[in-house]
C-alpha cells in the first residue's frame, strides 16, 4: 500500500480547465471516495493518478515518489473501469491472468496467482467460463480480479458499479469493502452515487467544477457541509434550503414569509443568508404548513409540505400514519440543527459557540429545546 499526494494538480483541454489546482493527501491503506456530478473532473483526476491522462500542472507522488513522468505500468496502480473491458474470447482464468502473462511470469506462477484471486472473489467455479456466460456482478468481480492479481499498491475504481442493477450494487458494495479490508491497499473510487460514497468511504472528497468543495469523513461532510453545493448535493433527499435574513440583533433569523426563528446565540453575519436544515431534523411544532406530496419509501414516508410563501420542506414521517395530501401540519426548525450559508459565494457561515455546543450535545444523543418566535 502507498500514500497518494497531489499538489496543485491541474488538467486542461484547450481552454477548458477540467481539474483546478487540486491539493489532496490520501493516507496509505485508506478507502477514499471522490464524489461529484458528471463533468466535475473526478474521473479525470483518477486517470491522472493512473497515468492515463497527462498532468498539465502540479505534482503527483505515490509512496513518496514523483510520478508525473512515469508510465502507467510503473506507478504500482491497478484500475477497474466502469465498463468491464473483458476479452470475450478468453476464459475467466485467462482474463484474470492476462496482466501476468504480459509481465512475463511463468505459467505455474500465473496459475497460482489466478487461483488465489479466484478464491478470494468466489470465482473458482467459473474459471473455465467466458464473459458472455457470466452475470453483471460476476463480470465485475473478474475485472476486479484482473486488477488484484498484479498485487498493486493502489486500487483505482472508476464508477465500477454504475452498470449494475440496484440489488447487485448493494452486494458489490459489501464485496468491495470486504476486499479492501482483506488486502489493505490504498483504494480510490470515483462515483456520482451518494449512498455508494457514504457507505464505502473512510475519507470522502466532494468535487464540483474541477475543484474540491470539501473533504473529511462521510459523517463530517454530511453533518457540516462546507458550501451550498455540498448541502444541496449530499443527501437523499437533499438539505432543505430557504432564503432568510439575520436581523440586526444577530440572534434571530427571519424567513421571507415573516417567520422568525431565534438562534441560541448571536452570529456575526447580518443580512441575507440561505438557511438549511436536513429533512430528518425537521420536527413537529407550531409553524403551519400544507402537505403537497407524500412519498411512500417503505420503512418511512417522505413528506413535502409548504410554509406560506416558501418552497416545500421535506421531512420524514412514520410510514404507518403519514399526513394526507392537502392536510395542515405543524413544523419546527430546531435552531441547533440549522445551517447558514452565504447566498452569493455559497460558503458556510460560522455559528455562535453556544450553537455549536448545542449541536454537539444533540448529535451525542442529548435533547435540545428549540425556540421559535
Protein backbone atom coordinates (compact mmCIF):
# COMPACT_ATOMS: atom_id res chain seq x y z
CA UNK A 1 0.00 0.00 0.00
CA UNK A 2 1.11 3.57 -0.63
CA UNK A 3 0.07 7.11 0.23
CA UNK A 4 -1.02 9.41 -2.62
CA UNK A 5 -0.23 13.13 -2.66
CA UNK A 6 -1.46 15.65 -5.23
CA UNK A 7 -0.12 19.20 -5.02
CA UNK A 8 -1.59 21.92 -7.22
CA UNK A 9 -2.64 19.35 -9.84
CA UNK A 10 -4.47 20.77 -12.87
CA UNK A 11 -5.68 19.45 -16.21
CA UNK A 12 -6.78 21.48 -19.21
CA UNK A 13 -8.32 20.52 -22.54
CA UNK A 14 -7.78 23.51 -24.80
CA UNK A 15 -9.39 26.41 -22.95
CA UNK A 16 -11.39 24.15 -20.64
CA UNK A 17 -9.86 23.53 -17.22
CA UNK A 18 -11.20 20.14 -16.11
CA UNK A 19 -9.25 19.94 -12.83
CA UNK A 20 -8.22 23.10 -10.98
CA UNK A 21 -5.20 23.17 -8.65
CA UNK A 22 -6.21 20.16 -6.58
CA UNK A 23 -4.35 19.58 -3.30
CA UNK A 24 -5.10 16.18 -1.82
CA UNK A 25 -3.24 13.90 0.59
CA UNK A 26 -4.56 10.34 0.85
CA UNK A 27 -3.10 8.17 3.62
CA UNK A 28 -1.89 4.70 2.79
CA UNK A 29 -4.41 1.95 3.36
CA UNK A 30 -7.43 4.29 3.23
CA UNK A 31 -10.56 3.77 1.16
CA UNK A 32 -11.11 7.16 -0.46
CA UNK A 33 -14.23 8.02 -2.45
CA UNK A 34 -14.33 11.02 -4.79
CA UNK A 35 -17.95 12.10 -5.21
CA UNK A 36 -19.44 14.59 -7.60
CA UNK A 37 -21.81 15.16 -10.52
CA UNK A 38 -20.99 14.31 -14.12
CA UNK A 39 -18.35 16.63 -15.57
CA UNK A 40 -16.89 17.71 -12.22
CA UNK A 41 -13.42 16.29 -13.00
CA UNK A 42 -13.42 13.27 -10.70
CA UNK A 43 -12.68 10.65 -13.39
CA UNK A 44 -10.06 12.91 -14.96
CA UNK A 45 -8.35 13.18 -11.58
CA UNK A 46 -8.36 9.40 -11.20
CA UNK A 47 -6.95 8.92 -14.69
CA UNK A 48 -4.13 11.35 -13.91
CA UNK A 49 -3.21 9.25 -10.87
CA UNK A 50 -3.24 6.14 -13.08
CA UNK A 51 -1.11 7.83 -15.76
CA UNK A 52 -3.81 7.68 -18.43
CA UNK A 53 -4.00 11.48 -18.58
CA UNK A 54 -1.03 13.85 -18.53
CA UNK A 55 -0.76 16.33 -15.65
CA UNK A 56 -0.54 19.89 -17.01
CA UNK A 57 0.49 21.48 -13.72
CA UNK A 58 1.33 20.36 -10.20
CA UNK A 59 2.86 17.19 -8.82
CA UNK A 60 1.70 13.65 -8.11
CA UNK A 61 3.51 11.44 -5.60
CA UNK A 62 2.72 7.82 -4.80
CA UNK A 63 4.57 6.27 -1.89
CA UNK A 64 6.67 9.43 -1.69
CA UNK A 65 8.00 9.12 -5.28
CA UNK A 66 7.20 11.63 -8.01
CA UNK A 67 5.03 10.01 -10.69
CA UNK A 68 4.32 12.79 -13.23
CA UNK A 69 6.65 11.38 -15.88
CA UNK A 70 6.31 7.67 -15.12
CA UNK A 71 4.46 5.27 -17.38
CA UNK A 72 1.18 3.79 -16.05
CA UNK A 73 2.76 0.34 -15.66
CA UNK A 74 5.46 1.79 -13.39
CA UNK A 75 3.14 3.51 -10.88
CA UNK A 76 2.06 0.48 -8.88
CA UNK A 77 -1.62 1.14 -9.62
CA UNK A 78 -4.35 -1.17 -10.90
CA UNK A 79 -7.53 0.32 -12.36
CA UNK A 80 -11.05 -1.09 -12.61
CA UNK A 81 -13.18 0.70 -15.22
CA UNK A 82 -16.90 1.35 -15.47
CA UNK A 83 -17.04 -0.98 -18.47
CA UNK A 84 -15.65 -4.40 -17.60
CA UNK A 85 -13.38 -4.46 -20.72
CA UNK A 86 -13.00 -8.24 -20.57
CA UNK A 87 -11.70 -10.22 -23.52
CA UNK A 88 -14.77 -12.11 -24.79
CA UNK A 89 -12.75 -14.94 -26.40
CA UNK A 90 -10.82 -15.68 -23.19
CA UNK A 91 -11.94 -17.68 -20.19
CA UNK A 92 -12.27 -16.13 -16.74
CA UNK A 93 -8.90 -17.62 -15.77
CA UNK A 94 -7.25 -16.21 -18.90
CA UNK A 95 -8.79 -12.76 -18.34
CA UNK A 96 -7.57 -12.62 -14.76
CA UNK A 97 -4.11 -13.92 -15.60
CA UNK A 98 -3.53 -11.83 -18.72
CA UNK A 99 -1.62 -8.98 -16.96
CA UNK A 100 0.77 -11.58 -15.54
CA UNK A 101 1.29 -13.09 -18.98
CA UNK A 102 2.18 -9.66 -20.36
CA UNK A 103 4.57 -9.19 -17.43
CA UNK A 104 6.34 -12.44 -18.37
CA UNK A 105 5.51 -14.58 -15.33
CA UNK A 106 5.72 -18.33 -15.71
CA UNK A 107 2.62 -20.44 -16.36
CA UNK A 108 2.89 -22.04 -12.91
CA UNK A 109 3.11 -18.69 -11.13
CA UNK A 110 0.22 -17.32 -13.16
CA UNK A 111 -1.92 -20.32 -12.29
CA UNK A 112 -1.16 -19.98 -8.57
CA UNK A 113 -1.98 -16.26 -8.52
CA UNK A 114 -5.19 -16.74 -10.50
CA UNK A 115 -6.31 -19.47 -8.10
CA UNK A 116 -5.57 -17.20 -5.13
CA UNK A 117 -7.61 -14.31 -6.56
CA UNK A 118 -10.45 -16.57 -7.73
CA UNK A 119 -10.76 -18.00 -4.22
CA UNK A 120 -10.92 -14.53 -2.67
CA UNK A 121 -13.62 -13.40 -5.12
CA UNK A 122 -15.56 -16.69 -5.15
CA UNK A 123 -14.84 -17.16 -8.84
CA UNK A 124 -13.18 -20.59 -8.64
CA UNK A 125 -16.21 -22.48 -10.10
CA UNK A 126 -16.32 -20.04 -13.04
CA UNK A 127 -12.71 -20.08 -14.22
CA UNK A 128 -13.47 -22.02 -17.42
CA UNK A 129 -16.40 -19.84 -18.49
CA UNK A 130 -16.33 -16.99 -20.99
CA UNK A 131 -17.52 -13.47 -20.04
CA UNK A 132 -20.69 -13.90 -22.10
CA UNK A 133 -21.75 -16.71 -19.75
CA UNK A 134 -21.48 -14.52 -16.62
CA UNK A 135 -23.86 -12.14 -14.84
CA UNK A 136 -23.01 -8.46 -14.50
CA UNK A 137 -21.82 -8.89 -10.92
CA UNK A 138 -19.62 -11.84 -11.86
CA UNK A 139 -18.06 -9.91 -14.74
CA UNK A 140 -17.29 -7.01 -12.41
CA UNK A 141 -15.60 -9.43 -10.00
CA UNK A 142 -13.48 -10.76 -12.87
CA UNK A 143 -12.44 -7.18 -13.71
CA UNK A 144 -11.52 -6.63 -10.05
CA UNK A 145 -9.65 -9.94 -10.03
CA UNK A 146 -7.61 -8.86 -13.04
CA UNK A 147 -6.55 -5.79 -11.02
CA UNK A 148 -5.90 -7.79 -7.83
CA UNK A 149 -3.66 -10.35 -9.49
CA UNK A 150 -0.94 -7.75 -10.01
CA UNK A 151 -0.64 -7.15 -6.22
CA UNK A 152 -0.83 -3.36 -6.71
CA UNK A 153 -0.07 -0.76 -4.08
CA UNK A 154 -3.08 1.30 -5.16
CA UNK A 155 -6.51 0.29 -6.48
CA UNK A 156 -8.33 2.82 -8.66
CA UNK A 157 -12.06 2.31 -9.34
CA UNK A 158 -13.80 4.42 -12.00
CA UNK A 159 -17.55 4.12 -11.23
CA UNK A 160 -17.28 0.30 -11.18
CA UNK A 161 -20.86 -0.35 -10.03
CA UNK A 162 -22.82 2.04 -12.25
CA UNK A 163 -23.70 -0.65 -14.81
CA UNK A 164 -25.23 -2.96 -12.20
CA UNK A 165 -28.84 -3.08 -11.05
CA UNK A 166 -29.77 -1.84 -7.57
CA UNK A 167 -29.59 -5.22 -5.83
CA UNK A 168 -26.22 -6.07 -7.36
CA UNK A 169 -24.83 -2.64 -6.45
CA UNK A 170 -25.60 -3.26 -2.79
CA UNK A 171 -23.98 -6.69 -2.97
CA UNK A 172 -20.89 -5.39 -4.75
CA UNK A 173 -20.50 -2.51 -2.27
CA UNK A 174 -20.21 -5.07 0.50
CA UNK A 175 -17.74 -7.12 -1.54
CA UNK A 176 -15.60 -4.07 -2.31
CA UNK A 177 -15.48 -3.13 1.36
CA UNK A 178 -14.55 -6.67 2.42
CA UNK A 179 -11.94 -6.82 -0.32
CA UNK A 180 -10.36 -3.56 0.84
CA UNK A 181 -10.21 -4.72 4.44
CA UNK A 182 -8.62 -8.00 3.36
CA UNK A 183 -5.98 -6.50 1.08
CA UNK A 184 -5.23 -3.29 2.97
CA UNK A 185 -4.17 -1.47 -0.24
CA UNK A 186 -4.93 2.19 -0.75
CA UNK A 187 -8.19 2.38 -2.72
CA UNK A 188 -9.63 5.37 -4.60
CA UNK A 189 -13.13 5.12 -6.08
CA UNK A 190 -14.99 7.79 -8.04
CA UNK A 191 -18.77 7.84 -8.17
CA UNK A 192 -21.81 10.10 -8.50
CA UNK A 193 -23.80 7.79 -6.19
CA UNK A 194 -24.12 9.33 -2.72
CA UNK A 195 -25.14 6.12 -0.98
CA UNK A 196 -22.18 4.32 -2.50
CA UNK A 197 -19.87 7.11 -1.31
CA UNK A 198 -21.24 7.26 2.23
CA UNK A 199 -21.12 3.50 2.78
CA UNK A 200 -17.68 2.81 1.28
CA UNK A 201 -15.52 5.80 2.20
CA UNK A 202 -13.09 6.20 5.05
CA UNK A 203 -12.32 9.60 3.53
CA UNK A 204 -14.82 11.42 1.32
CA UNK A 205 -13.83 14.05 -1.26
CA UNK A 206 -16.63 16.11 -2.86
CA UNK A 207 -15.77 17.75 -6.19
CA UNK A 208 -17.54 20.43 -8.20
CA UNK A 209 -16.42 22.20 -11.41
CA UNK A 210 -12.91 20.78 -11.19
CA UNK A 211 -12.30 21.80 -7.57
CA UNK A 212 -12.54 20.09 -4.21
CA UNK A 213 -15.51 21.57 -2.36
CA UNK A 214 -14.96 19.61 0.86
CA UNK A 215 -13.24 16.55 2.24
CA UNK A 216 -13.34 14.61 5.50
CA UNK A 217 -15.07 11.58 6.93
CA UNK A 218 -18.53 10.93 5.45
CA UNK A 219 -20.12 11.88 8.76
CA UNK A 220 -18.20 15.18 8.97
CA UNK A 221 -19.10 16.19 5.43
CA UNK A 222 -22.76 15.26 5.87
CA UNK A 223 -23.17 16.90 9.27
CA UNK A 224 -21.33 20.15 8.44
CA UNK A 225 -21.43 20.84 4.67
CA UNK A 226 -18.85 23.50 3.78
CA UNK A 227 -20.89 25.06 0.97
CA UNK A 228 -24.32 25.35 -0.57
CA UNK A 229 -23.23 22.91 -3.27
CA UNK A 230 -22.33 20.20 -0.75
CA UNK A 231 -25.51 20.85 1.25
CA UNK A 232 -27.65 20.51 -1.86
CA UNK A 233 -25.77 17.61 -3.42
CA UNK A 234 -25.10 15.30 -0.48
CA UNK A 235 -28.18 13.67 0.96
CA UNK A 236 -31.19 11.86 -0.43
CA UNK A 237 -33.30 13.88 -0.17
CA UNK A 238 -31.05 16.93 -0.18
CA UNK A 239 -30.95 19.50 2.59
CA UNK A 240 -33.88 21.92 2.70
CA UNK A 241 -32.60 25.38 1.71
CA UNK A 242 -34.62 28.53 2.40
CA UNK A 243 -33.78 32.21 1.76
CA UNK A 244 -33.69 34.15 5.04
CA UNK A 245 -32.27 37.19 6.79
CA UNK A 246 -30.27 37.53 10.00
CA UNK A 247 -31.70 40.54 11.87
CA UNK A 248 -29.65 43.31 13.45
CA UNK A 249 -29.57 41.57 16.84
CA UNK A 250 -27.73 38.64 15.25
CA UNK A 251 -29.74 36.10 17.24
CA UNK A 252 -32.85 35.94 15.05
CA UNK A 253 -33.42 34.71 11.52
CA UNK A 254 -36.43 35.86 9.50
CA UNK A 255 -37.77 33.78 6.64
CA UNK A 256 -39.22 35.57 3.62
CA UNK A 257 -42.77 34.83 4.81
CA UNK A 258 -42.02 36.72 8.05
CA UNK A 259 -41.48 33.64 10.26
CA UNK A 260 -38.91 34.36 12.98
CA UNK A 261 -36.51 31.72 14.28
CA UNK A 262 -34.37 32.55 17.29
CA UNK A 263 -30.78 31.31 17.41
CA UNK A 264 -29.36 30.22 20.77
CA UNK A 265 -26.51 32.73 20.44
CA UNK A 266 -25.85 35.73 18.16
CA UNK A 267 -23.90 35.12 14.96
CA UNK A 268 -21.57 37.58 13.23
CA UNK A 269 -23.46 37.59 9.95
CA UNK A 270 -26.16 40.20 9.28
CA UNK A 271 -28.49 40.40 6.29
CA UNK A 272 -29.28 37.83 3.61
CA UNK A 273 -28.42 34.16 4.18
CA UNK A 274 -29.52 30.75 2.98
CA UNK A 275 -30.86 28.69 5.85
CA UNK A 276 -30.51 24.92 5.65
CA UNK A 277 -31.93 22.00 7.61
CA UNK A 278 -31.82 18.27 6.87
CA UNK A 279 -35.22 16.57 6.37
CA UNK A 280 -34.58 14.23 9.30
CA UNK A 281 -34.15 17.25 11.61
CA UNK A 282 -37.46 18.95 10.82
CA UNK A 283 -39.62 18.37 13.90
CA UNK A 284 -43.25 18.78 14.88
CA UNK A 285 -44.09 22.29 16.05
CA UNK A 286 -46.15 25.41 15.54
CA UNK A 287 -45.22 26.54 12.03
CA UNK A 288 -48.23 25.89 9.80
CA UNK A 289 -47.54 24.09 6.52
CA UNK A 290 -49.70 22.40 3.90
CA UNK A 291 -48.81 18.92 2.63
CA UNK A 292 -48.25 18.86 -1.14
CA UNK A 293 -46.90 15.35 -1.68
CA UNK A 294 -46.17 12.18 0.27
CA UNK A 295 -43.62 9.62 -0.96
CA UNK A 296 -44.00 6.12 0.45
CA UNK A 297 -40.45 4.80 0.98
CA UNK A 298 -41.50 1.57 2.66
CA UNK A 299 -39.84 1.93 6.06
CA UNK A 300 -40.85 5.61 6.24
CA UNK A 301 -42.65 8.30 4.30
CA UNK A 302 -41.10 11.45 2.88
CA UNK A 303 -43.48 14.39 3.19
CA UNK A 304 -43.23 17.65 1.23
CA UNK A 305 -45.10 20.48 2.94
CA UNK A 306 -45.10 24.17 2.05
CA UNK A 307 -44.81 27.02 4.52
CA UNK A 308 -46.62 30.12 3.25
CA UNK A 309 -44.58 31.80 0.51
CA UNK A 310 -41.72 29.29 0.72
CA UNK A 311 -40.56 26.28 -1.25
CA UNK A 312 -41.81 22.92 0.11
CA UNK A 313 -39.91 21.48 3.07
CA UNK A 314 -39.12 17.77 3.02
CA UNK A 315 -39.32 15.79 6.26
CA UNK A 316 -39.71 12.18 7.33
CA UNK A 317 -42.86 10.67 8.78
CA UNK A 318 -43.70 7.17 10.09
CA UNK A 319 -44.87 5.02 7.19
CA UNK A 320 -47.84 3.72 9.16
CA UNK A 321 -49.53 7.11 9.59
CA UNK A 322 -48.23 9.78 7.21
CA UNK A 323 -50.23 13.01 6.80
CA UNK A 324 -52.57 13.16 3.82
CA UNK A 325 -52.04 15.38 0.81
CA UNK A 326 -53.67 18.74 1.43
CA UNK A 327 -53.56 18.36 5.23
CA UNK A 328 -52.25 21.10 7.53
CA UNK A 329 -49.25 20.13 9.65
CA UNK A 330 -47.22 21.94 12.31
CA UNK A 331 -43.45 22.05 11.87
CA UNK A 332 -40.46 23.22 13.86
CA UNK A 333 -36.95 24.01 12.65
CA UNK A 334 -34.76 23.35 15.72
CA UNK A 335 -32.08 26.05 16.00
CA UNK A 336 -29.38 23.53 16.91
CA UNK A 337 -29.95 21.85 13.53
CA UNK A 338 -29.83 24.96 11.34
CA UNK A 339 -27.05 25.68 8.84
CA UNK A 340 -26.31 29.14 7.47
CA UNK A 341 -24.70 29.84 4.08
CA UNK A 342 -23.63 32.89 2.14
CA UNK A 343 -26.20 33.15 -0.68
CA UNK A 344 -23.67 34.78 -3.03
CA UNK A 345 -20.49 32.72 -2.68
CA UNK A 346 -22.14 29.66 -1.15
CA UNK A 347 -19.67 29.32 1.74
CA UNK A 348 -20.80 28.01 5.10
CA UNK A 349 -21.20 30.77 7.69
CA UNK A 350 -19.80 30.23 11.21
CA UNK A 351 -22.25 29.62 14.02
CA UNK A 352 -22.05 31.00 17.53
CA UNK A 353 -20.13 28.98 20.12
CA UNK A 354 -23.30 28.21 22.03
CA UNK A 355 -24.99 26.85 18.90
CA UNK A 356 -22.00 24.64 18.13
CA UNK A 357 -22.09 23.22 21.67
CA UNK A 358 -25.82 22.67 21.45
CA UNK A 359 -25.42 20.87 18.11
CA UNK A 360 -22.68 18.68 19.62
CA UNK A 361 -24.95 17.75 22.53
CA UNK A 362 -27.78 16.93 20.13
CA UNK A 363 -25.56 14.74 17.97
CA UNK A 364 -24.39 12.99 21.11
CA UNK A 365 -27.96 11.98 21.89
CA UNK A 366 -28.99 14.76 24.31
CA UNK A 367 -32.28 16.50 23.63
CA UNK A 368 -32.25 20.16 22.61
CA UNK A 369 -35.18 22.51 23.15
CA UNK A 370 -35.81 24.72 20.11
CA UNK A 371 -37.04 28.28 20.42
CA UNK A 372 -39.05 29.83 17.61
CA UNK A 373 -40.97 33.10 17.72
